[in-house]
N, C-alpha and C. Protein backbone atom coordinates (compact mmCIF):
# COMPACT_ATOMS: atom_id res chain seq x y z
N MET A 1 0.82 -1.20 0.00
CA MET A 1 0.00 0.00 0.00
C MET A 1 0.86 1.26 0.00
N PHE A 2 1.94 1.22 0.77
CA PHE A 2 2.81 2.39 0.82
C PHE A 2 3.42 2.64 -0.56
N PHE A 3 3.83 1.59 -1.23
CA PHE A 3 4.38 1.74 -2.58
C PHE A 3 3.32 2.33 -3.52
N PHE A 4 2.10 1.79 -3.49
CA PHE A 4 1.04 2.31 -4.36
C PHE A 4 0.80 3.79 -4.09
N GLY A 5 0.72 4.16 -2.82
CA GLY A 5 0.46 5.55 -2.47
C GLY A 5 1.58 6.49 -2.89
N THR A 6 2.81 6.08 -2.63
CA THR A 6 3.93 6.96 -2.98
C THR A 6 4.15 7.00 -4.49
N PHE A 7 4.01 5.86 -5.14
CA PHE A 7 4.18 5.83 -6.59
C PHE A 7 3.15 6.73 -7.25
N ALA A 8 1.88 6.59 -6.84
CA ALA A 8 0.80 7.40 -7.43
C ALA A 8 1.04 8.88 -7.17
N GLY A 9 1.38 9.22 -5.94
CA GLY A 9 1.59 10.63 -5.60
C GLY A 9 2.79 11.23 -6.29
N LEU A 10 3.90 10.53 -6.26
CA LEU A 10 5.13 11.07 -6.83
C LEU A 10 5.11 11.07 -8.35
N LEU A 11 4.29 10.20 -8.95
CA LEU A 11 4.11 10.23 -10.40
C LEU A 11 3.58 11.58 -10.83
N ILE A 12 2.66 12.14 -10.05
CA ILE A 12 2.05 13.43 -10.35
C ILE A 12 2.91 14.58 -9.80
N ILE A 13 3.36 14.44 -8.57
CA ILE A 13 4.14 15.50 -7.93
C ILE A 13 5.42 15.79 -8.71
N GLY A 14 6.02 14.75 -9.26
CA GLY A 14 7.24 14.92 -10.03
C GLY A 14 7.06 15.75 -11.29
N GLN A 15 5.84 15.88 -11.75
CA GLN A 15 5.54 16.65 -12.97
C GLN A 15 4.78 17.94 -12.65
N MET A 16 4.74 18.32 -11.38
CA MET A 16 3.88 19.39 -10.91
C MET A 16 4.01 20.70 -11.69
N SER A 17 5.21 21.18 -11.86
CA SER A 17 5.40 22.46 -12.55
C SER A 17 4.95 22.39 -14.00
N LYS A 18 5.30 21.30 -14.70
CA LYS A 18 4.90 21.16 -16.10
C LYS A 18 3.39 21.01 -16.24
N ILE A 19 2.78 20.27 -15.32
CA ILE A 19 1.32 20.12 -15.36
C ILE A 19 0.67 21.49 -15.18
N GLY A 20 1.15 22.24 -14.22
CA GLY A 20 0.60 23.58 -13.98
C GLY A 20 0.68 24.45 -15.21
N LEU A 21 1.82 24.44 -15.86
CA LEU A 21 2.03 25.28 -17.04
C LEU A 21 1.19 24.79 -18.22
N GLU A 22 1.26 23.50 -18.51
CA GLU A 22 0.63 22.97 -19.71
C GLU A 22 -0.88 22.79 -19.57
N GLN A 23 -1.34 22.49 -18.37
CA GLN A 23 -2.75 22.16 -18.21
C GLN A 23 -3.60 23.36 -17.76
N ALA A 24 -3.01 24.25 -16.96
CA ALA A 24 -3.80 25.35 -16.41
C ALA A 24 -3.14 26.71 -16.60
N SER A 25 -2.11 26.77 -17.41
CA SER A 25 -1.40 28.02 -17.70
C SER A 25 -0.88 28.72 -16.44
N ILE A 26 -0.41 27.93 -15.48
CA ILE A 26 0.22 28.49 -14.28
C ILE A 26 1.71 28.57 -14.58
N SER A 27 2.19 29.77 -14.84
CA SER A 27 3.59 29.92 -15.23
C SER A 27 4.52 29.93 -14.03
N ASN A 28 3.99 30.16 -12.84
CA ASN A 28 4.80 30.19 -11.64
C ASN A 28 4.71 28.85 -10.92
N GLY A 29 5.59 27.91 -11.29
CA GLY A 29 5.62 26.59 -10.66
C GLY A 29 5.87 26.66 -9.17
N PHE A 30 6.52 27.73 -8.73
CA PHE A 30 6.79 27.90 -7.31
C PHE A 30 5.50 27.95 -6.51
N LEU A 31 4.47 28.57 -7.06
CA LEU A 31 3.17 28.65 -6.39
C LEU A 31 2.61 27.26 -6.13
N LEU A 32 2.68 26.39 -7.11
CA LEU A 32 2.20 25.02 -6.94
C LEU A 32 2.98 24.29 -5.85
N VAL A 33 4.28 24.47 -5.82
CA VAL A 33 5.11 23.81 -4.82
C VAL A 33 4.78 24.31 -3.42
N VAL A 34 4.61 25.61 -3.27
CA VAL A 34 4.29 26.18 -1.95
C VAL A 34 2.93 25.69 -1.46
N VAL A 35 1.93 25.76 -2.32
CA VAL A 35 0.58 25.31 -1.93
C VAL A 35 0.60 23.83 -1.59
N TYR A 36 1.27 23.04 -2.43
CA TYR A 36 1.39 21.61 -2.16
C TYR A 36 2.05 21.36 -0.81
N ALA A 37 3.16 22.05 -0.53
CA ALA A 37 3.90 21.84 0.72
C ALA A 37 3.06 22.21 1.94
N ILE A 38 2.31 23.28 1.86
CA ILE A 38 1.47 23.69 2.99
C ILE A 38 0.42 22.61 3.28
N PHE A 39 -0.24 22.12 2.25
CA PHE A 39 -1.28 21.11 2.46
C PHE A 39 -0.68 19.76 2.84
N ASN A 40 0.51 19.46 2.38
CA ASN A 40 1.20 18.25 2.79
C ASN A 40 1.45 18.28 4.30
N PHE A 41 1.91 19.41 4.80
CA PHE A 41 2.14 19.58 6.24
C PHE A 41 0.83 19.45 7.02
N ILE A 42 -0.21 20.13 6.57
CA ILE A 42 -1.50 20.08 7.25
C ILE A 42 -2.03 18.64 7.24
N GLY A 43 -1.84 17.93 6.14
CA GLY A 43 -2.29 16.55 6.04
C GLY A 43 -1.61 15.63 7.02
N ARG A 44 -0.34 15.84 7.27
CA ARG A 44 0.38 14.99 8.21
C ARG A 44 -0.23 15.07 9.60
N VAL A 45 -0.52 16.28 10.04
CA VAL A 45 -1.09 16.47 11.37
C VAL A 45 -2.55 16.01 11.40
N THR A 46 -3.31 16.40 10.40
CA THR A 46 -4.74 16.10 10.39
C THR A 46 -5.02 14.61 10.29
N TRP A 47 -4.41 13.94 9.32
CA TRP A 47 -4.68 12.52 9.14
C TRP A 47 -4.17 11.69 10.30
N GLY A 48 -3.06 12.11 10.91
CA GLY A 48 -2.59 11.41 12.10
C GLY A 48 -3.63 11.46 13.21
N THR A 49 -4.23 12.62 13.38
CA THR A 49 -5.27 12.78 14.40
C THR A 49 -6.51 11.96 14.03
N ILE A 50 -6.91 12.03 12.78
CA ILE A 50 -8.08 11.26 12.33
C ILE A 50 -7.87 9.78 12.58
N SER A 51 -6.66 9.28 12.29
CA SER A 51 -6.40 7.85 12.46
C SER A 51 -6.49 7.42 13.91
N ASP A 52 -6.22 8.34 14.83
CA ASP A 52 -6.36 8.01 16.25
C ASP A 52 -7.83 7.80 16.62
N TYR A 53 -8.73 8.41 15.86
CA TYR A 53 -10.16 8.31 16.16
C TYR A 53 -10.88 7.21 15.37
N ILE A 54 -10.58 7.08 14.10
CA ILE A 54 -11.33 6.11 13.29
C ILE A 54 -10.53 4.85 12.98
N GLY A 55 -9.28 4.82 13.32
CA GLY A 55 -8.44 3.65 13.06
C GLY A 55 -7.55 3.84 11.84
N ARG A 56 -6.48 3.06 11.82
CA ARG A 56 -5.47 3.21 10.76
C ARG A 56 -6.00 2.79 9.40
N THR A 57 -6.63 1.60 9.35
CA THR A 57 -7.05 1.11 8.03
C THR A 57 -8.21 1.94 7.47
N ALA A 58 -9.12 2.40 8.32
CA ALA A 58 -10.20 3.27 7.83
C ALA A 58 -9.63 4.58 7.30
N THR A 59 -8.61 5.08 7.97
CA THR A 59 -7.96 6.31 7.52
C THR A 59 -7.27 6.08 6.19
N LEU A 60 -6.55 4.99 6.06
CA LEU A 60 -5.88 4.68 4.80
C LEU A 60 -6.90 4.53 3.68
N PHE A 61 -7.99 3.82 3.95
CA PHE A 61 -9.02 3.68 2.93
C PHE A 61 -9.54 5.04 2.48
N THR A 62 -9.83 5.90 3.44
CA THR A 62 -10.36 7.23 3.12
C THR A 62 -9.37 8.03 2.28
N MET A 63 -8.10 8.02 2.67
CA MET A 63 -7.10 8.76 1.90
C MET A 63 -6.95 8.22 0.48
N PHE A 64 -6.88 6.90 0.35
CA PHE A 64 -6.76 6.30 -0.98
C PHE A 64 -7.99 6.60 -1.83
N ALA A 65 -9.18 6.54 -1.23
CA ALA A 65 -10.41 6.81 -1.98
C ALA A 65 -10.44 8.26 -2.47
N ILE A 66 -10.05 9.19 -1.61
CA ILE A 66 -10.00 10.60 -2.01
C ILE A 66 -9.00 10.80 -3.13
N GLN A 67 -7.83 10.17 -2.99
CA GLN A 67 -6.83 10.30 -4.04
C GLN A 67 -7.33 9.73 -5.36
N ALA A 68 -7.95 8.57 -5.32
CA ALA A 68 -8.45 7.96 -6.55
C ALA A 68 -9.43 8.91 -7.24
N LEU A 69 -10.34 9.47 -6.48
CA LEU A 69 -11.31 10.40 -7.06
C LEU A 69 -10.62 11.60 -7.70
N ILE A 70 -9.67 12.19 -6.98
CA ILE A 70 -8.96 13.36 -7.50
C ILE A 70 -8.18 13.01 -8.77
N TYR A 71 -7.49 11.87 -8.75
CA TYR A 71 -6.71 11.49 -9.94
C TYR A 71 -7.61 11.22 -11.13
N PHE A 72 -8.78 10.61 -10.91
CA PHE A 72 -9.70 10.39 -12.02
C PHE A 72 -10.19 11.71 -12.60
N LEU A 73 -10.29 12.74 -11.76
CA LEU A 73 -10.78 14.05 -12.20
C LEU A 73 -9.68 15.00 -12.67
N PHE A 74 -8.43 14.64 -12.43
CA PHE A 74 -7.33 15.59 -12.60
C PHE A 74 -7.23 16.21 -13.99
N SER A 75 -7.54 15.46 -15.01
CA SER A 75 -7.42 16.03 -16.36
C SER A 75 -8.44 17.13 -16.61
N SER A 76 -9.49 17.20 -15.79
CA SER A 76 -10.49 18.26 -15.97
C SER A 76 -10.10 19.55 -15.24
N PHE A 77 -9.02 19.52 -14.48
CA PHE A 77 -8.58 20.72 -13.75
C PHE A 77 -7.76 21.60 -14.69
N THR A 78 -8.43 22.32 -15.54
CA THR A 78 -7.75 23.09 -16.57
C THR A 78 -7.66 24.59 -16.27
N ASN A 79 -8.21 25.02 -15.14
CA ASN A 79 -8.01 26.42 -14.77
C ASN A 79 -7.17 26.45 -13.50
N PRO A 80 -6.49 27.54 -13.24
CA PRO A 80 -5.56 27.61 -12.12
C PRO A 80 -6.17 27.28 -10.75
N VAL A 81 -7.37 27.76 -10.48
CA VAL A 81 -7.99 27.51 -9.18
C VAL A 81 -8.28 26.02 -9.00
N ALA A 82 -8.87 25.40 -10.01
CA ALA A 82 -9.18 23.97 -9.93
C ALA A 82 -7.91 23.14 -9.75
N LEU A 83 -6.87 23.48 -10.49
CA LEU A 83 -5.61 22.73 -10.37
C LEU A 83 -4.98 22.94 -9.00
N LEU A 84 -5.03 24.14 -8.47
CA LEU A 84 -4.49 24.38 -7.13
C LEU A 84 -5.27 23.60 -6.08
N ILE A 85 -6.58 23.52 -6.24
CA ILE A 85 -7.38 22.73 -5.30
C ILE A 85 -7.02 21.25 -5.42
N GLY A 86 -6.92 20.76 -6.66
CA GLY A 86 -6.54 19.36 -6.86
C GLY A 86 -5.17 19.04 -6.28
N LYS A 87 -4.20 19.92 -6.51
CA LYS A 87 -2.85 19.72 -5.95
C LYS A 87 -2.89 19.78 -4.43
N SER A 88 -3.73 20.65 -3.89
CA SER A 88 -3.86 20.76 -2.43
C SER A 88 -4.39 19.46 -1.83
N VAL A 89 -5.39 18.87 -2.48
CA VAL A 89 -5.95 17.61 -1.99
C VAL A 89 -4.91 16.49 -2.08
N VAL A 90 -4.17 16.46 -3.19
CA VAL A 90 -3.11 15.46 -3.32
C VAL A 90 -2.06 15.65 -2.22
N GLY A 91 -1.63 16.89 -1.99
CA GLY A 91 -0.66 17.16 -0.94
C GLY A 91 -1.20 16.78 0.43
N PHE A 92 -2.46 17.08 0.69
CA PHE A 92 -3.10 16.80 1.97
C PHE A 92 -3.14 15.29 2.25
N THR A 93 -3.54 14.50 1.25
CA THR A 93 -3.61 13.06 1.47
C THR A 93 -2.24 12.40 1.42
N PHE A 94 -1.38 12.89 0.56
CA PHE A 94 -0.03 12.33 0.47
C PHE A 94 0.73 12.56 1.78
N GLY A 95 0.63 13.76 2.33
CA GLY A 95 1.25 14.04 3.62
C GLY A 95 0.70 13.14 4.70
N GLY A 96 -0.60 12.88 4.64
CA GLY A 96 -1.22 11.98 5.61
C GLY A 96 -0.66 10.58 5.55
N MET A 97 -0.42 10.10 4.34
CA MET A 97 0.15 8.76 4.22
C MET A 97 1.54 8.68 4.85
N LEU A 98 2.30 9.73 4.65
CA LEU A 98 3.65 9.73 5.23
C LEU A 98 3.60 9.76 6.76
N ALA A 99 2.51 10.25 7.32
CA ALA A 99 2.35 10.24 8.78
C ALA A 99 1.77 8.93 9.28
N ILE A 100 0.94 8.28 8.50
CA ILE A 100 0.23 7.09 8.95
C ILE A 100 1.07 5.82 8.86
N PHE A 101 1.84 5.65 7.82
CA PHE A 101 2.55 4.38 7.64
C PHE A 101 3.57 4.06 8.74
N PRO A 102 4.28 5.03 9.32
CA PRO A 102 5.13 4.67 10.45
C PRO A 102 4.32 4.15 11.64
N VAL A 103 3.15 4.72 11.85
CA VAL A 103 2.30 4.29 12.96
C VAL A 103 1.71 2.92 12.68
N VAL A 104 1.32 2.69 11.43
CA VAL A 104 0.81 1.37 11.05
C VAL A 104 1.90 0.32 11.28
N THR A 105 3.12 0.64 10.91
CA THR A 105 4.23 -0.27 11.12
C THR A 105 4.41 -0.58 12.60
N ALA A 106 4.36 0.44 13.44
CA ALA A 106 4.48 0.24 14.89
C ALA A 106 3.30 -0.56 15.43
N ASP A 107 2.09 -0.24 14.99
CA ASP A 107 0.91 -0.97 15.45
C ASP A 107 0.97 -2.44 15.07
N PHE A 108 1.39 -2.73 13.86
CA PHE A 108 1.38 -4.11 13.38
C PHE A 108 2.55 -4.93 13.92
N TYR A 109 3.71 -4.31 14.08
CA TYR A 109 4.90 -5.09 14.40
C TYR A 109 5.60 -4.67 15.68
N GLY A 110 5.03 -3.71 16.40
CA GLY A 110 5.59 -3.27 17.67
C GLY A 110 6.68 -2.23 17.49
N VAL A 111 7.11 -1.68 18.61
CA VAL A 111 8.12 -0.62 18.57
C VAL A 111 9.53 -1.15 18.82
N LYS A 112 9.64 -2.39 19.25
CA LYS A 112 10.96 -2.93 19.56
C LYS A 112 11.92 -2.82 18.37
N ASN A 113 11.48 -3.17 17.21
CA ASN A 113 12.31 -3.11 16.00
C ASN A 113 11.75 -2.12 14.99
N LEU A 114 11.15 -1.04 15.48
CA LEU A 114 10.50 -0.07 14.60
C LEU A 114 11.49 0.54 13.61
N GLY A 115 12.69 0.84 14.06
CA GLY A 115 13.68 1.43 13.15
C GLY A 115 13.96 0.53 11.96
N LEU A 116 14.17 -0.73 12.21
CA LEU A 116 14.42 -1.69 11.13
C LEU A 116 13.17 -1.89 10.28
N ASN A 117 12.05 -2.14 10.95
CA ASN A 117 10.81 -2.42 10.22
C ASN A 117 10.39 -1.24 9.35
N TYR A 118 10.45 -0.04 9.90
CA TYR A 118 10.06 1.11 9.09
C TYR A 118 11.13 1.41 8.04
N GLY A 119 12.37 1.10 8.35
CA GLY A 119 13.43 1.24 7.34
C GLY A 119 13.15 0.40 6.12
N VAL A 120 12.66 -0.82 6.34
CA VAL A 120 12.26 -1.68 5.22
C VAL A 120 11.03 -1.09 4.53
N MET A 121 10.06 -0.63 5.32
CA MET A 121 8.82 -0.07 4.77
C MET A 121 9.10 1.15 3.90
N ILE A 122 9.98 2.03 4.33
CA ILE A 122 10.20 3.30 3.62
C ILE A 122 10.92 3.09 2.28
N THR A 123 11.46 1.89 2.06
CA THR A 123 12.04 1.63 0.74
C THR A 123 10.98 1.73 -0.35
N ALA A 124 9.70 1.50 0.01
CA ALA A 124 8.62 1.67 -0.95
C ALA A 124 8.56 3.11 -1.43
N TRP A 125 8.80 4.05 -0.52
CA TRP A 125 8.82 5.46 -0.90
C TRP A 125 10.00 5.74 -1.83
N GLY A 126 11.13 5.17 -1.53
CA GLY A 126 12.32 5.37 -2.37
C GLY A 126 12.11 4.83 -3.77
N VAL A 127 11.57 3.62 -3.88
CA VAL A 127 11.32 3.02 -5.19
C VAL A 127 10.26 3.83 -5.93
N GLY A 128 9.18 4.18 -5.23
CA GLY A 128 8.14 5.00 -5.85
C GLY A 128 8.66 6.36 -6.28
N GLY A 129 9.59 6.90 -5.49
CA GLY A 129 10.17 8.21 -5.79
C GLY A 129 11.06 8.21 -7.01
N VAL A 130 11.61 7.07 -7.33
CA VAL A 130 12.45 6.97 -8.53
C VAL A 130 11.59 6.61 -9.74
N ILE A 131 10.78 5.58 -9.60
CA ILE A 131 10.02 5.07 -10.74
C ILE A 131 8.86 5.98 -11.12
N GLY A 132 8.12 6.50 -10.12
CA GLY A 132 6.94 7.31 -10.40
C GLY A 132 7.22 8.51 -11.29
N PRO A 133 8.08 9.44 -10.86
CA PRO A 133 8.37 10.60 -11.70
C PRO A 133 8.99 10.24 -13.05
N LEU A 134 9.82 9.21 -13.06
CA LEU A 134 10.44 8.77 -14.31
C LEU A 134 9.37 8.32 -15.30
N LEU A 135 8.46 7.46 -14.84
CA LEU A 135 7.40 6.98 -15.73
C LEU A 135 6.43 8.10 -16.10
N GLY A 136 6.19 9.03 -15.18
CA GLY A 136 5.35 10.18 -15.50
C GLY A 136 5.94 11.00 -16.63
N GLY A 137 7.25 11.22 -16.58
CA GLY A 137 7.93 11.96 -17.64
C GLY A 137 7.93 11.22 -18.95
N ILE A 138 8.17 9.92 -18.89
CA ILE A 138 8.15 9.11 -20.11
C ILE A 138 6.76 9.12 -20.74
N ALA A 139 5.73 8.95 -19.90
CA ALA A 139 4.34 8.97 -20.41
C ALA A 139 4.03 10.31 -21.07
N ARG A 140 4.49 11.39 -20.47
CA ARG A 140 4.26 12.73 -21.04
C ARG A 140 4.97 12.86 -22.39
N ASP A 141 6.21 12.40 -22.44
CA ASP A 141 6.97 12.50 -23.69
C ASP A 141 6.35 11.67 -24.81
N LEU A 142 5.84 10.48 -24.47
CA LEU A 142 5.29 9.60 -25.48
C LEU A 142 3.89 9.99 -25.93
N THR A 143 3.09 10.54 -25.01
CA THR A 143 1.69 10.82 -25.34
C THR A 143 1.39 12.30 -25.51
N GLY A 144 2.29 13.17 -25.04
CA GLY A 144 2.04 14.60 -25.14
C GLY A 144 1.13 15.14 -24.06
N GLY A 145 0.78 14.31 -23.10
CA GLY A 145 -0.10 14.75 -22.01
C GLY A 145 0.11 13.93 -20.76
N TYR A 146 -0.76 14.14 -19.81
CA TYR A 146 -0.62 13.49 -18.50
C TYR A 146 -1.75 12.52 -18.20
N GLY A 147 -2.62 12.27 -19.15
CA GLY A 147 -3.76 11.39 -18.94
C GLY A 147 -3.39 10.02 -18.44
N ILE A 148 -2.35 9.42 -19.02
CA ILE A 148 -1.93 8.09 -18.58
C ILE A 148 -1.42 8.14 -17.14
N SER A 149 -0.67 9.17 -16.81
CA SER A 149 -0.17 9.31 -15.43
C SER A 149 -1.33 9.43 -14.45
N TYR A 150 -2.34 10.21 -14.80
CA TYR A 150 -3.50 10.35 -13.92
C TYR A 150 -4.22 9.02 -13.76
N LEU A 151 -4.36 8.30 -14.85
CA LEU A 151 -5.05 7.01 -14.80
C LEU A 151 -4.26 6.00 -13.96
N VAL A 152 -2.96 5.93 -14.17
CA VAL A 152 -2.13 5.02 -13.38
C VAL A 152 -2.22 5.38 -11.90
N SER A 153 -2.14 6.66 -11.58
CA SER A 153 -2.24 7.09 -10.18
C SER A 153 -3.59 6.74 -9.59
N ALA A 154 -4.66 6.91 -10.37
CA ALA A 154 -6.00 6.58 -9.90
C ALA A 154 -6.13 5.08 -9.64
N VAL A 155 -5.65 4.27 -10.56
CA VAL A 155 -5.76 2.82 -10.41
C VAL A 155 -4.94 2.34 -9.20
N LEU A 156 -3.74 2.87 -9.03
CA LEU A 156 -2.93 2.49 -7.86
C LEU A 156 -3.62 2.91 -6.57
N SER A 157 -4.29 4.04 -6.57
CA SER A 157 -5.01 4.49 -5.38
C SER A 157 -6.21 3.58 -5.10
N VAL A 158 -6.89 3.14 -6.14
CA VAL A 158 -7.99 2.19 -5.96
C VAL A 158 -7.45 0.88 -5.37
N LEU A 159 -6.33 0.41 -5.90
CA LEU A 159 -5.72 -0.81 -5.35
C LEU A 159 -5.33 -0.62 -3.89
N GLY A 160 -4.80 0.54 -3.55
CA GLY A 160 -4.48 0.83 -2.15
C GLY A 160 -5.71 0.81 -1.27
N ALA A 161 -6.81 1.38 -1.77
CA ALA A 161 -8.07 1.38 -1.01
C ALA A 161 -8.56 -0.05 -0.79
N VAL A 162 -8.50 -0.87 -1.83
CA VAL A 162 -8.93 -2.27 -1.71
C VAL A 162 -8.05 -3.00 -0.71
N LEU A 163 -6.75 -2.81 -0.80
CA LEU A 163 -5.85 -3.48 0.15
C LEU A 163 -6.12 -3.04 1.59
N SER A 164 -6.49 -1.78 1.77
CA SER A 164 -6.77 -1.31 3.14
C SER A 164 -8.00 -1.99 3.71
N LEU A 165 -8.88 -2.48 2.86
CA LEU A 165 -10.05 -3.22 3.33
C LEU A 165 -9.71 -4.68 3.64
N ILE A 166 -8.62 -5.16 3.07
CA ILE A 166 -8.25 -6.56 3.21
C ILE A 166 -7.28 -6.81 4.37
N ILE A 167 -6.36 -5.86 4.60
CA ILE A 167 -5.31 -6.12 5.59
C ILE A 167 -5.90 -6.30 6.98
N ARG A 168 -5.25 -7.14 7.75
CA ARG A 168 -5.64 -7.39 9.13
C ARG A 168 -4.40 -7.33 10.00
N HIS A 169 -4.59 -6.87 11.20
CA HIS A 169 -3.50 -6.81 12.17
C HIS A 169 -2.97 -8.22 12.39
N PRO A 170 -1.65 -8.41 12.39
CA PRO A 170 -1.08 -9.75 12.55
C PRO A 170 -1.56 -10.48 13.80
N GLU A 171 -1.76 -9.78 14.90
CA GLU A 171 -2.23 -10.44 16.12
C GLU A 171 -3.66 -10.92 15.96
N ALA A 172 -4.49 -10.19 15.24
CA ALA A 172 -5.86 -10.62 14.99
C ALA A 172 -5.85 -11.90 14.16
N GLU A 173 -4.97 -11.98 13.17
CA GLU A 173 -4.87 -13.18 12.36
C GLU A 173 -4.36 -14.35 13.20
N ASP A 174 -3.42 -14.08 14.13
CA ASP A 174 -2.89 -15.13 15.00
C ASP A 174 -3.99 -15.64 15.92
N ARG A 175 -4.79 -14.74 16.50
CA ARG A 175 -5.90 -15.14 17.38
C ARG A 175 -6.91 -15.96 16.59
N LYS A 176 -7.19 -15.54 15.37
CA LYS A 176 -8.15 -16.25 14.53
C LYS A 176 -7.68 -17.69 14.31
N GLY A 177 -6.39 -17.83 14.03
CA GLY A 177 -5.84 -19.17 13.80
C GLY A 177 -5.87 -20.03 15.04
N ARG A 178 -5.59 -19.44 16.19
CA ARG A 178 -5.56 -20.20 17.44
C ARG A 178 -6.94 -20.56 17.94
N LEU A 179 -7.88 -19.66 17.80
CA LEU A 179 -9.21 -19.87 18.35
C LEU A 179 -10.17 -20.55 17.37
N GLY A 180 -9.80 -20.52 16.10
CA GLY A 180 -10.65 -21.14 15.11
C GLY A 180 -11.93 -20.38 14.84
N GLU A 181 -11.97 -19.12 15.24
CA GLU A 181 -13.16 -18.31 15.01
C GLU A 181 -12.80 -17.18 14.04
N PRO A 182 -13.76 -16.78 13.23
CA PRO A 182 -13.46 -15.79 12.19
C PRO A 182 -12.98 -14.45 12.70
N ASP A 183 -13.42 -14.00 13.86
CA ASP A 183 -13.02 -12.68 14.32
C ASP A 183 -12.10 -12.72 15.52
N GLY A 184 -11.70 -13.89 15.97
CA GLY A 184 -10.78 -14.00 17.10
C GLY A 184 -11.43 -13.81 18.45
N LYS A 185 -12.75 -13.65 18.49
CA LYS A 185 -13.43 -13.46 19.77
C LYS A 185 -13.74 -14.84 20.37
N THR A 186 -13.78 -14.90 21.66
CA THR A 186 -14.04 -16.16 22.35
C THR A 186 -15.50 -16.31 22.75
N GLY A 187 -16.33 -15.39 22.34
CA GLY A 187 -17.75 -15.47 22.67
C GLY A 187 -18.14 -14.37 23.61
N GLY A 188 -19.42 -14.23 23.81
CA GLY A 188 -19.90 -13.16 24.67
C GLY A 188 -19.95 -11.85 23.93
N SER A 189 -20.45 -10.85 24.59
CA SER A 189 -20.55 -9.55 23.95
C SER A 189 -19.38 -8.67 24.34
N THR A 190 -19.06 -7.73 23.48
CA THR A 190 -17.95 -6.81 23.79
C THR A 190 -18.45 -5.41 23.83
């Protein structure tokens, strides 16, 4: 999921200035970067707080679903205001993912080896950071536009949303296996 989220986000973020210029006639790429960075910061704090209330997987699902919707609509953002709003939403959810995945790692595997475990997890960001922008640029060069990049980002976000519905905490799966019950409960009401 982390790879899907970072790949999808960085595929678009890596082309931010060119998208602004070519799609919405925003000649000041710096404006897009500043707006994106502000919403990325706000997203880190906001989504972290939301995840404390609704849970990690529900938060991940929500972020992926929002991203999928925005990426499916991205080609229609042809005026500066619409594109700035779209970039803001991408920054807001992308920042949230960067805040949530370390916590998900700690929740699933504990804090004893968090440095190692998250070190392995963050390689998804590194791979996505190399491949995403590279493929976004190649797609632009081959097709003359960003439609394929938007579609790939949308599909990866949908896959991330689906995976967030499927994943289960390792201890819940262990209890399920030991107790032989689908939800790991031993009976009675909770």
